[in-house]
């Protein structure tokens, strides 16, 4: 399948963002985690949609990949602000996904 590596990175990002959002809900001060949860959910949604379009072989996906790149960077920045292991791992995965999106766009 064409773009298999990018699709794998996108779905990996979806999994980490979903896990991070769920784990944030279990944190002691969940009110401080609302921005992280929201950003995780948005990032997971755009990554999932982009991976699906790529797997279908849809040709005009550049704008989606660009949007995904930007949101992954935003999510990484948000997650890096929190000390929790799940946030740090999510940030790392989002950075990797953003790099994969950037490589696709170049």
PDB file of N, CA and C in Angstrom:
ATOM      1  N   UNK A   1       0.856  -1.192   0.000  1.00  0.00           N
ATOM      2  CA  UNK A   1       0.000   0.000   0.000  1.00  0.00           C
ATOM      3  C   UNK A   1       0.889   1.238   0.000  1.00  0.00           C
ATOM      4  N   UNK A   2       0.560   2.165  -0.867  1.00  0.00           N
ATOM      5  CA  UNK A   2       1.304   3.417  -0.954  1.00  0.00           C
ATOM      6  C   UNK A   2       1.103   4.213   0.343  1.00  0.00           C
ATOM      7  N   UNK A   3       2.135   4.902   0.787  1.00  0.00           N
ATOM      8  CA  UNK A   3       2.097   5.736   2.002  1.00  0.00           C
ATOM      9  C   UNK A   3       1.904   4.920   3.278  1.00  0.00           C
ATOM     10  N   UNK A   4       2.299   3.653   3.254  1.00  0.00           N
ATOM     11  CA  UNK A   4       2.094   2.774   4.396  1.00  0.00           C
ATOM     12  C   UNK A   4       2.748   3.301   5.674  1.00  0.00           C
ATOM     13  N   UNK A   5       3.956   3.847   5.564  1.00  0.00           N
ATOM     14  CA  UNK A   5       4.646   4.354   6.760  1.00  0.00           C
ATOM     15  C   UNK A   5       3.899   5.527   7.374  1.00  0.00           C
ATOM     16  N   UNK A   6       3.416   6.433   6.547  1.00  0.00           N
ATOM     17  CA  UNK A   6       2.654   7.575   7.062  1.00  0.00           C
ATOM     18  C   UNK A   6       1.361   7.095   7.710  1.00  0.00           C
ATOM     19  N   UNK A   7       0.680   6.167   7.074  1.00  0.00           N
ATOM     20  CA  UNK A   7      -0.566   5.635   7.630  1.00  0.00           C
ATOM     21  C   UNK A   7      -0.300   4.998   8.990  1.00  0.00           C
ATOM     22  N   UNK A   8       0.776   4.245   9.105  1.00  0.00           N
ATOM     23  CA  UNK A   8       1.148   3.623  10.386  1.00  0.00           C
ATOM     24  C   UNK A   8       1.400   4.688  11.455  1.00  0.00           C
ATOM     25  N   UNK A   9       2.142   5.735  11.102  1.00  0.00           N
ATOM     26  CA  UNK A   9       2.406   6.816  12.060  1.00  0.00           C
ATOM     27  C   UNK A   9       1.121   7.529  12.472  1.00  0.00           C
ATOM     28  N   UNK A  10       0.221   7.726  11.521  1.00  0.00           N
ATOM     29  CA  UNK A  10      -1.053   8.380  11.826  1.00  0.00           C
ATOM     30  C   UNK A  10      -1.876   7.547  12.804  1.00  0.00           C
ATOM     31  N   UNK A  11      -1.996   6.253  12.544  1.00  0.00           N
ATOM     32  CA  UNK A  11      -2.781   5.393  13.446  1.00  0.00           C
ATOM     33  C   UNK A  11      -2.110   5.237  14.808  1.00  0.00           C
ATOM     34  N   UNK A  12      -0.798   5.257  14.837  1.00  0.00           N
ATOM     35  CA  UNK A  12      -0.077   5.213  16.107  1.00  0.00           C
ATOM     36  C   UNK A  12      -0.383   6.481  16.917  1.00  0.00           C
ATOM     37  N   UNK A  13      -0.445   7.605  16.234  1.00  0.00           N
ATOM     38  CA  UNK A  13      -0.779   8.870  16.883  1.00  0.00           C
ATOM     39  C   UNK A  13      -2.212   8.831  17.424  1.00  0.00           C
ATOM     40  N   UNK A  14      -3.123   8.272  16.641  1.00  0.00           N
ATOM     41  CA  UNK A  14      -4.510   8.126  17.095  1.00  0.00           C
ATOM     42  C   UNK A  14      -4.553   7.347  18.406  1.00  0.00           C
ATOM     43  N   UNK A  15      -3.854   6.229  18.445  1.00  0.00           N
ATOM     44  CA  UNK A  15      -3.861   5.378  19.634  1.00  0.00           C
ATOM     45  C   UNK A  15      -3.291   6.113  20.855  1.00  0.00           C
ATOM     46  N   UNK A  16      -2.164   6.804  20.674  1.00  0.00           N
ATOM     47  CA  UNK A  16      -1.555   7.512  21.800  1.00  0.00           C
ATOM     48  C   UNK A  16      -2.421   8.685  22.263  1.00  0.00           C
ATOM     49  N   UNK A  17      -3.009   9.399  21.327  1.00  0.00           N
ATOM     50  CA  UNK A  17      -3.868  10.530  21.705  1.00  0.00           C
ATOM     51  C   UNK A  17      -5.115  10.049  22.447  1.00  0.00           C
ATOM     52  N   UNK A  18      -5.720   8.968  21.970  1.00  0.00           N
ATOM     53  CA  UNK A  18      -6.897   8.430  22.656  1.00  0.00           C
ATOM     54  C   UNK A  18      -6.542   7.946  24.055  1.00  0.00           C
ATOM     55  N   UNK A  19      -5.399   7.268  24.171  1.00  0.00           N
ATOM     56  CA  UNK A  19      -4.958   6.793  25.483  1.00  0.00           C
ATOM     57  C   UNK A  19      -4.671   7.965  26.421  1.00  0.00           C
ATOM     58  N   UNK A  20      -3.998   8.974  25.903  1.00  0.00           N
ATOM     59  CA  UNK A  20      -3.656  10.142  26.717  1.00  0.00           C
ATOM     60  C   UNK A  20      -4.922  10.848  27.207  1.00  0.00           C
ATOM     61  N   UNK A  21      -5.890  11.039  26.317  1.00  0.00           N
ATOM     62  CA  UNK A  21      -7.138  11.701  26.707  1.00  0.00           C
ATOM     63  C   UNK A  21      -7.838  10.918  27.802  1.00  0.00           C
ATOM     64  N   UNK A  22      -7.905   9.600  27.650  1.00  0.00           N
ATOM     65  CA  UNK A  22      -8.559   8.759  28.656  1.00  0.00           C
ATOM     66  C   UNK A  22      -7.800   8.793  29.983  1.00  0.00           C
ATOM     67  N   UNK A  23      -6.473   8.761  29.897  1.00  0.00           N
ATOM     68  CA  UNK A  23      -5.662   8.796  31.118  1.00  0.00           C
ATOM     69  C   UNK A  23      -5.774  10.148  31.812  1.00  0.00           C
ATOM     70  N   UNK A  24      -5.883  11.217  31.047  1.00  0.00           N
ATOM     71  CA  UNK A  24      -6.044  12.554  31.626  1.00  0.00           C
ATOM     72  C   UNK A  24      -7.322  12.645  32.457  1.00  0.00           C
ATOM     73  N   UNK A  25      -8.351  11.950  32.016  1.00  0.00           N
ATOM     74  CA  UNK A  25      -9.624  11.959  32.751  1.00  0.00           C
ATOM     75  C   UNK A  25      -9.477  11.339  34.138  1.00  0.00           C
ATOM     76  N   UNK A  26      -8.472  10.506  34.310  1.00  0.00           N
ATOM     77  CA  UNK A  26      -8.231   9.869  35.597  1.00  0.00           C
ATOM     78  C   UNK A  26      -7.258  10.613  36.487  1.00  0.00           C
ATOM     79  N   UNK A  27      -6.735  11.726  36.012  1.00  0.00           N
ATOM     80  CA  UNK A  27      -5.779  12.488  36.812  1.00  0.00           C
ATOM     81  C   UNK A  27      -6.483  13.214  37.953  1.00  0.00           C
ATOM     82  N   UNK A  28      -5.721  13.483  38.991  1.00  0.00           N
ATOM     83  CA  UNK A  28      -6.248  14.089  40.213  1.00  0.00           C
ATOM     84  C   UNK A  28      -6.930  15.428  39.951  1.00  0.00           C
ATOM     85  N   UNK A  29      -6.293  16.289  39.193  1.00  0.00           N
ATOM     86  CA  UNK A  29      -6.835  17.616  38.923  1.00  0.00           C
ATOM     87  C   UNK A  29      -7.260  17.689  37.454  1.00  0.00           C
ATOM     88  N   UNK A  30      -8.346  17.015  37.129  1.00  0.00           N
ATOM     89  CA  UNK A  30      -8.777  16.877  35.744  1.00  0.00           C
ATOM     90  C   UNK A  30      -9.097  18.228  35.099  1.00  0.00           C
ATOM     91  N   UNK A  31      -9.470  19.215  35.906  1.00  0.00           N
ATOM     92  CA  UNK A  31      -9.764  20.547  35.354  1.00  0.00           C
ATOM     93  C   UNK A  31      -8.550  21.140  34.654  1.00  0.00           C
ATOM     94  N   UNK A  32      -7.364  20.837  35.159  1.00  0.00           N
ATOM     95  CA  UNK A  32      -6.135  21.345  34.546  1.00  0.00           C
ATOM     96  C   UNK A  32      -5.793  20.595  33.256  1.00  0.00           C
ATOM     97  N   UNK A  33      -6.487  19.492  33.011  1.00  0.00           N
ATOM     98  CA  UNK A  33      -6.174  18.648  31.871  1.00  0.00           C
ATOM     99  C   UNK A  33      -7.143  18.842  30.709  1.00  0.00           C
ATOM    100  N   UNK A  34      -8.112  19.738  30.845  1.00  0.00           N
ATOM    101  CA  UNK A  34      -9.152  19.849  29.815  1.00  0.00           C
ATOM    102  C   UNK A  34      -8.586  20.248  28.447  1.00  0.00           C
ATOM    103  N   UNK A  35      -7.627  21.139  28.415  1.00  0.00           N
ATOM    104  CA  UNK A  35      -7.037  21.544  27.139  1.00  0.00           C
ATOM    105  C   UNK A  35      -6.291  20.368  26.507  1.00  0.00           C
ATOM    106  N   UNK A  36      -5.617  19.596  27.321  1.00  0.00           N
ATOM    107  CA  UNK A  36      -4.886  18.423  26.828  1.00  0.00           C
ATOM    108  C   UNK A  36      -5.872  17.399  26.272  1.00  0.00           C
ATOM    109  N   UNK A  37      -6.931  17.135  26.999  1.00  0.00           N
ATOM    110  CA  UNK A  37      -7.942  16.174  26.553  1.00  0.00           C
ATOM    111  C   UNK A  37      -8.545  16.618  25.224  1.00  0.00           C
ATOM    112  N   UNK A  38      -8.919  17.866  25.142  1.00  0.00           N
ATOM    113  CA  UNK A  38      -9.524  18.394  23.924  1.00  0.00           C
ATOM    114  C   UNK A  38      -8.561  18.306  22.740  1.00  0.00           C
ATOM    115  N   UNK A  39      -7.327  18.698  22.953  1.00  0.00           N
ATOM    116  CA  UNK A  39      -6.338  18.659  21.882  1.00  0.00           C
ATOM    117  C   UNK A  39      -6.060  17.219  21.455  1.00  0.00           C
ATOM    118  N   UNK A  40      -5.983  16.314  22.422  1.00  0.00           N
ATOM    119  CA  UNK A  40      -5.802  14.889  22.105  1.00  0.00           C
ATOM    120  C   UNK A  40      -6.930  14.388  21.208  1.00  0.00           C
ATOM    121  N   UNK A  41      -8.157  14.735  21.558  1.00  0.00           N
ATOM    122  CA  UNK A  41      -9.312  14.258  20.790  1.00  0.00           C
ATOM    123  C   UNK A  41      -9.312  14.820  19.369  1.00  0.00           C
ATOM    124  N   UNK A  42      -8.984  16.084  19.239  1.00  0.00           N
ATOM    125  CA  UNK A  42      -8.926  16.702  17.912  1.00  0.00           C
ATOM    126  C   UNK A  42      -7.819  16.059  17.076  1.00  0.00           C
ATOM    127  N   UNK A  43      -6.675  15.861  17.688  1.00  0.00           N
ATOM    128  CA  UNK A  43      -5.543  15.266  16.977  1.00  0.00           C
ATOM    129  C   UNK A  43      -5.884  13.841  16.534  1.00  0.00           C
ATOM    130  N   UNK A  44      -6.476  13.065  17.418  1.00  0.00           N
ATOM    131  CA  UNK A  44      -6.860  11.696  17.060  1.00  0.00           C
ATOM    132  C   UNK A  44      -7.846  11.690  15.898  1.00  0.00           C
ATOM    133  N   UNK A  45      -8.783  12.619  15.920  1.00  0.00           N
ATOM    134  CA  UNK A  45      -9.796  12.678  14.857  1.00  0.00           C
ATOM    135  C   UNK A  45      -9.184  13.002  13.504  1.00  0.00           C
ATOM    136  N   UNK A  46      -8.317  14.012  13.448  1.00  0.00           N
ATOM    137  CA  UNK A  46      -7.732  14.408  12.164  1.00  0.00           C
ATOM    138  C   UNK A  46      -6.760  13.338  11.656  1.00  0.00           C
ATOM    139  N   UNK A  47      -6.014  12.733  12.567  1.00  0.00           N
ATOM    140  CA  UNK A  47      -5.085  11.678  12.152  1.00  0.00           C
ATOM    141  C   UNK A  47      -5.849  10.470  11.616  1.00  0.00           C
ATOM    142  N   UNK A  48      -6.928  10.107  12.272  1.00  0.00           N
ATOM    143  CA  UNK A  48      -7.735   8.976  11.822  1.00  0.00           C
ATOM    144  C   UNK A  48      -8.325   9.251  10.436  1.00  0.00           C
ATOM    145  N   UNK A  49      -8.898  10.420  10.257  1.00  0.00           N
ATOM    146  CA  UNK A  49      -9.502  10.772   8.966  1.00  0.00           C
ATOM    147  C   UNK A  49      -8.450  10.801   7.856  1.00  0.00           C
ATOM    148  N   UNK A  50      -7.290  11.339   8.156  1.00  0.00           N
ATOM    149  CA  UNK A  50      -6.226  11.426   7.161  1.00  0.00           C
ATOM    150  C   UNK A  50      -5.729  10.031   6.784  1.00  0.00           C
ATOM    151  N   UNK A  51      -5.543   9.173   7.778  1.00  0.00           N
ATOM    152  CA  UNK A  51      -5.103   7.798   7.504  1.00  0.00           C
ATOM    153  C   UNK A  51      -6.118   7.065   6.641  1.00  0.00           C
ATOM    154  N   UNK A  52      -7.381   7.272   6.916  1.00  0.00           N
ATOM    155  CA  UNK A  52      -8.413   6.615   6.118  1.00  0.00           C
ATOM    156  C   UNK A  52      -8.369   7.084   4.664  1.00  0.00           C
ATOM    157  N   UNK A  53      -8.263   8.385   4.459  1.00  0.00           N
ATOM    158  CA  UNK A  53      -8.190   8.903   3.088  1.00  0.00           C
ATOM    159  C   UNK A  53      -6.973   8.346   2.351  1.00  0.00           C
ATOM    160  N   UNK A  54      -5.851   8.298   3.025  1.00  0.00           N
ATOM    161  CA  UNK A  54      -4.641   7.751   2.407  1.00  0.00           C
ATOM    162  C   UNK A  54      -4.812   6.272   2.082  1.00  0.00           C
ATOM    163  N   UNK A  55      -5.440   5.527   2.992  1.00  0.00           N
ATOM    164  CA  UNK A  55      -5.603   4.092   2.746  1.00  0.00           C
ATOM    165  C   UNK A  55      -6.586   3.815   1.612  1.00  0.00           C
ATOM    166  N   UNK A  56      -7.515   4.728   1.380  1.00  0.00           N
ATOM    167  CA  UNK A  56      -8.436   4.593   0.256  1.00  0.00           C
ATOM    168  C   UNK A  56      -7.763   4.933  -1.073  1.00  0.00           C
ATOM    169  N   UNK A  57      -6.604   5.557  -0.985  1.00  0.00           N
ATOM    170  CA  UNK A  57      -5.905   5.973  -2.192  1.00  0.00           C
ATOM    171  C   UNK A  57      -6.399   7.301  -2.728  1.00  0.00           C
ATOM    172  N   UNK A  58      -7.098   8.048  -1.892  1.00  0.00           N
ATOM    173  CA  UNK A  58      -7.607   9.360  -2.299  1.00  0.00           C
ATOM    174  C   UNK A  58      -6.430  10.249  -2.676  1.00  0.00           C
ATOM    175  N   UNK A  59      -6.509  10.879  -3.817  1.00  0.00           N
ATOM    176  CA  UNK A  59      -5.350  11.604  -4.358  1.00  0.00           C
ATOM    177  C   UNK A  59      -5.187  13.033  -3.822  1.00  0.00           C
ATOM    178  N   UNK A  60      -6.251  13.704  -3.519  1.00  0.00           N
ATOM    179  CA  UNK A  60      -6.175  15.111  -3.109  1.00  0.00           C
ATOM    180  C   UNK A  60      -6.207  15.231  -1.583  1.00  0.00           C
ATOM    181  N   UNK A  61      -5.163  14.721  -0.946  1.00  0.00           N
ATOM    182  CA  UNK A  61      -5.133  14.649   0.513  1.00  0.00           C
ATOM    183  C   UNK A  61      -4.118  15.617   1.142  1.00  0.00           C
ATOM    184  N   UNK A  62      -3.437  16.390   0.318  1.00  0.00           N
ATOM    185  CA  UNK A  62      -2.379  17.275   0.827  1.00  0.00           C
ATOM    186  C   UNK A  62      -2.869  18.243   1.903  1.00  0.00           C
ATOM    187  N   UNK A  63      -4.040  18.826   1.707  1.00  0.00           N
ATOM    188  CA  UNK A  63      -4.559  19.780   2.696  1.00  0.00           C
ATOM    189  C   UNK A  63      -4.841  19.094   4.024  1.00  0.00           C
ATOM    190  N   UNK A  64      -5.313  17.867   3.959  1.00  0.00           N
ATOM    191  CA  UNK A  64      -5.565  17.107   5.196  1.00  0.00           C
ATOM    192  C   UNK A  64      -4.244  16.802   5.903  1.00  0.00           C
ATOM    193  N   UNK A  65      -3.252  16.404   5.136  1.00  0.00           N
ATOM    194  CA  UNK A  65      -1.941  16.100   5.723  1.00  0.00           C
ATOM    195  C   UNK A  65      -1.342  17.366   6.339  1.00  0.00           C
ATOM    196  N   UNK A  66      -1.501  18.499   5.687  1.00  0.00           N
ATOM    197  CA  UNK A  66      -1.008  19.772   6.220  1.00  0.00           C
ATOM    198  C   UNK A  66      -1.711  20.107   7.537  1.00  0.00           C
ATOM    199  N   UNK A  67      -3.025  19.951   7.561  1.00  0.00           N
ATOM    200  CA  UNK A  67      -3.790  20.209   8.785  1.00  0.00           C
ATOM    201  C   UNK A  67      -3.375  19.240   9.889  1.00  0.00           C
ATOM    202  N   UNK A  68      -3.164  18.005   9.522  1.00  0.00           N
ATOM    203  CA  UNK A  68      -2.723  16.999  10.483  1.00  0.00           C
ATOM    204  C   UNK A  68      -1.350  17.377  11.060  1.00  0.00           C
ATOM    205  N   UNK A  69      -0.466  17.817  10.203  1.00  0.00           N
ATOM    206  CA  UNK A  69       0.867  18.249  10.626  1.00  0.00           C
ATOM    207  C   UNK A  69       0.762  19.353  11.683  1.00  0.00           C
ATOM    208  N   UNK A  70      -0.061  20.332  11.413  1.00  0.00           N
ATOM    209  CA  UNK A  70      -0.217  21.467  12.329  1.00  0.00           C
ATOM    210  C   UNK A  70      -0.840  21.042  13.659  1.00  0.00           C
ATOM    211  N   UNK A  71      -1.856  20.210  13.607  1.00  0.00           N
ATOM    212  CA  UNK A  71      -2.531  19.794  14.838  1.00  0.00           C
ATOM    213  C   UNK A  71      -1.637  18.863  15.655  1.00  0.00           C
ATOM    214  N   UNK A  72      -0.880  18.002  14.991  1.00  0.00           N
ATOM    215  CA  UNK A  72       0.063  17.141  15.720  1.00  0.00           C
ATOM    216  C   UNK A  72       1.103  17.987  16.467  1.00  0.00           C
ATOM    217  N   UNK A  73       1.588  19.040  15.823  1.00  0.00           N
ATOM    218  CA  UNK A  73       2.535  19.937  16.500  1.00  0.00           C
ATOM    219  C   UNK A  73       1.879  20.610  17.706  1.00  0.00           C
ATOM    220  N   UNK A  74       0.644  21.051  17.528  1.00  0.00           N
ATOM    221  CA  UNK A  74      -0.096  21.700  18.613  1.00  0.00           C
ATOM    222  C   UNK A  74      -0.321  20.728  19.772  1.00  0.00           C
ATOM    223  N   UNK A  75      -0.681  19.502  19.451  1.00  0.00           N
ATOM    224  CA  UNK A  75      -0.917  18.500  20.488  1.00  0.00           C
ATOM    225  C   UNK A  75       0.375  18.170  21.234  1.00  0.00           C
ATOM    226  N   UNK A  76       1.465  18.035  20.499  1.00  0.00           N
ATOM    227  CA  UNK A  76       2.755  17.764  21.140  1.00  0.00           C
ATOM    228  C   UNK A  76       3.128  18.885  22.101  1.00  0.00           C
ATOM    229  N   UNK A  77       2.922  20.107  21.670  1.00  0.00           N
ATOM    230  CA  UNK A  77       3.236  21.265  22.508  1.00  0.00           C
ATOM    231  C   UNK A  77       2.387  21.260  23.784  1.00  0.00           C
ATOM    232  N   UNK A  78       1.107  20.943  23.643  1.00  0.00           N
ATOM    233  CA  UNK A  78       0.213  20.886  24.802  1.00  0.00           C
ATOM    234  C   UNK A  78       0.623  19.763  25.758  1.00  0.00           C
ATOM    235  N   UNK A  79       0.849  18.584  25.223  1.00  0.00           N
ATOM    236  CA  UNK A  79       1.182  17.438  26.069  1.00  0.00           C
ATOM    237  C   UNK A  79       2.525  17.610  26.784  1.00  0.00           C
ATOM    238  N   UNK A  80       3.464  18.269  26.123  1.00  0.00           N
ATOM    239  CA  UNK A  80       4.781  18.494  26.737  1.00  0.00           C
ATOM    240  C   UNK A  80       4.699  19.342  28.005  1.00  0.00           C
ATOM    241  N   UNK A  81       3.626  20.067  28.171  1.00  0.00           N
ATOM    242  CA  UNK A  81       3.465  20.917  29.353  1.00  0.00           C
ATOM    243  C   UNK A  81       3.119  20.114  30.606  1.00  0.00           C
ATOM    244  N   UNK A  82       2.767  18.849  30.441  1.00  0.00           N
ATOM    245  CA  UNK A  82       2.319  18.035  31.575  1.00  0.00           C
ATOM    246  C   UNK A  82       3.355  16.963  31.892  1.00  0.00           C
ATOM    247  N   UNK A  83       3.548  16.707  33.163  1.00  0.00           N
ATOM    248  CA  UNK A  83       4.588  15.791  33.621  1.00  0.00           C
ATOM    249  C   UNK A  83       4.206  14.316  33.501  1.00  0.00           C
ATOM    250  N   UNK A  84       2.959  14.031  33.268  1.00  0.00           N
ATOM    251  CA  UNK A  84       2.491  12.651  33.239  1.00  0.00           C
ATOM    252  C   UNK A  84       3.144  11.873  32.103  1.00  0.00           C
ATOM    253  N   UNK A  85       3.466  10.619  32.389  1.00  0.00           N
ATOM    254  CA  UNK A  85       4.125   9.768  31.408  1.00  0.00           C
ATOM    255  C   UNK A  85       3.292   9.637  30.125  1.00  0.00           C
ATOM    256  N   UNK A  86       1.973   9.487  30.273  1.00  0.00           N
ATOM    257  CA  UNK A  86       1.128   9.335  29.085  1.00  0.00           C
ATOM    258  C   UNK A  86       1.162  10.594  28.226  1.00  0.00           C
ATOM    259  N   UNK A  87       1.273  11.761  28.836  1.00  0.00           N
ATOM    260  CA  UNK A  87       1.369  13.016  28.076  1.00  0.00           C
ATOM    261  C   UNK A  87       2.713  13.105  27.358  1.00  0.00           C
ATOM    262  N   UNK A  88       3.772  12.722  28.035  1.00  0.00           N
ATOM    263  CA  UNK A  88       5.098  12.777  27.419  1.00  0.00           C
ATOM    264  C   UNK A  88       5.208  11.813  26.240  1.00  0.00           C
ATOM    265  N   UNK A  89       4.647  10.611  26.391  1.00  0.00           N
ATOM    266  CA  UNK A  89       4.669   9.644  25.289  1.00  0.00           C
ATOM    267  C   UNK A  89       3.796  10.114  24.133  1.00  0.00           C
ATOM    268  N   UNK A  90       2.680  10.736  24.447  1.00  0.00           N
ATOM    269  CA  UNK A  90       1.805  11.271  23.411  1.00  0.00           C
ATOM    270  C   UNK A  90       2.523  12.383  22.649  1.00  0.00           C
ATOM    271  N   UNK A  91       3.192  13.262  23.364  1.00  0.00           N
ATOM    272  CA  UNK A  91       3.927  14.356  22.723  1.00  0.00           C
ATOM    273  C   UNK A  91       4.982  13.807  21.766  1.00  0.00           C
ATOM    274  N   UNK A  92       5.693  12.786  22.205  1.00  0.00           N
ATOM    275  CA  UNK A  92       6.730  12.177  21.377  1.00  0.00           C
ATOM    276  C   UNK A  92       6.123  11.571  20.105  1.00  0.00           C
ATOM    277  N   UNK A  93       5.008  10.885  20.253  1.00  0.00           N
ATOM    278  CA  UNK A  93       4.341  10.267  19.112  1.00  0.00           C
ATOM    279  C   UNK A  93       3.796  11.319  18.155  1.00  0.00           C
ATOM    280  N   UNK A  94       3.228  12.396  18.705  1.00  0.00           N
ATOM    281  CA  UNK A  94       2.716  13.486  17.867  1.00  0.00           C
ATOM    282  C   UNK A  94       3.837  14.154  17.085  1.00  0.00           C
ATOM    283  N   UNK A  95       4.989  14.339  17.697  1.00  0.00           N
ATOM    284  CA  UNK A  95       6.135  14.932  16.991  1.00  0.00           C
ATOM    285  C   UNK A  95       6.559  14.035  15.829  1.00  0.00           C
ATOM    286  N   UNK A  96       6.594  12.730  16.092  1.00  0.00           N
ATOM    287  CA  UNK A  96       6.983  11.793  15.040  1.00  0.00           C
ATOM    288  C   UNK A  96       5.976  11.832  13.891  1.00  0.00           C
ATOM    289  N   UNK A  97       4.708  11.898  14.218  1.00  0.00           N
ATOM    290  CA  UNK A  97       3.666  11.953  13.203  1.00  0.00           C
ATOM    291  C   UNK A  97       3.759  13.264  12.408  1.00  0.00           C
ATOM    292  N   UNK A  98       4.007  14.363  13.099  1.00  0.00           N
ATOM    293  CA  UNK A  98       4.166  15.660  12.415  1.00  0.00           C
ATOM    294  C   UNK A  98       5.344  15.605  11.442  1.00  0.00           C
ATOM    295  N   UNK A  99       6.432  14.943  11.844  1.00  0.00           N
ATOM    296  CA  UNK A  99       7.592  14.802  10.964  1.00  0.00           C
ATOM    297  C   UNK A  99       7.245  13.965   9.731  1.00  0.00           C
ATOM    298  N   UNK A 100       6.458  12.916   9.936  1.00  0.00           N
ATOM    299  CA  UNK A 100       6.045  12.057   8.813  1.00  0.00           C
ATOM    300  C   UNK A 100       5.149  12.837   7.852  1.00  0.00           C
ATOM    301  N   UNK A 101       4.274  13.656   8.407  1.00  0.00           N
ATOM    302  CA  UNK A 101       3.406  14.498   7.567  1.00  0.00           C
ATOM    303  C   UNK A 101       4.247  15.490   6.772  1.00  0.00           C
ATOM    304  N   UNK A 102       5.229  16.107   7.421  1.00  0.00           N
ATOM    305  CA  UNK A 102       6.102  17.063   6.755  1.00  0.00           C
ATOM    306  C   UNK A 102       6.871  16.396   5.624  1.00  0.00           C
ATOM    307  N   UNK A 103       7.355  15.185   5.864  1.00  0.00           N
ATOM    308  CA  UNK A 103       8.078  14.452   4.821  1.00  0.00           C
ATOM    309  C   UNK A 103       7.170  14.160   3.633  1.00  0.00           C
ATOM    310  N   UNK A 104       5.931  13.819   3.893  1.00  0.00           N
ATOM    311  CA  UNK A 104       4.964  13.569   2.811  1.00  0.00           C
ATOM    312  C   UNK A 104       4.749  14.818   1.971  1.00  0.00           C
ATOM    313  N   UNK A 105       4.704  15.964   2.640  1.00  0.00           N
ATOM    314  CA  UNK A 105       4.423  17.227   1.960  1.00  0.00           C
ATOM    315  C   UNK A 105       5.608  17.742   1.143  1.00  0.00           C
ATOM    316  N   UNK A 106       6.802  17.265   1.443  1.00  0.00           N
ATOM    317  CA  UNK A 106       8.010  17.705   0.721  1.00  0.00           C
ATOM    318  C   UNK A 106       8.317  16.873  -0.481  1.00  0.00           C
TER     319      UNK A 106
END
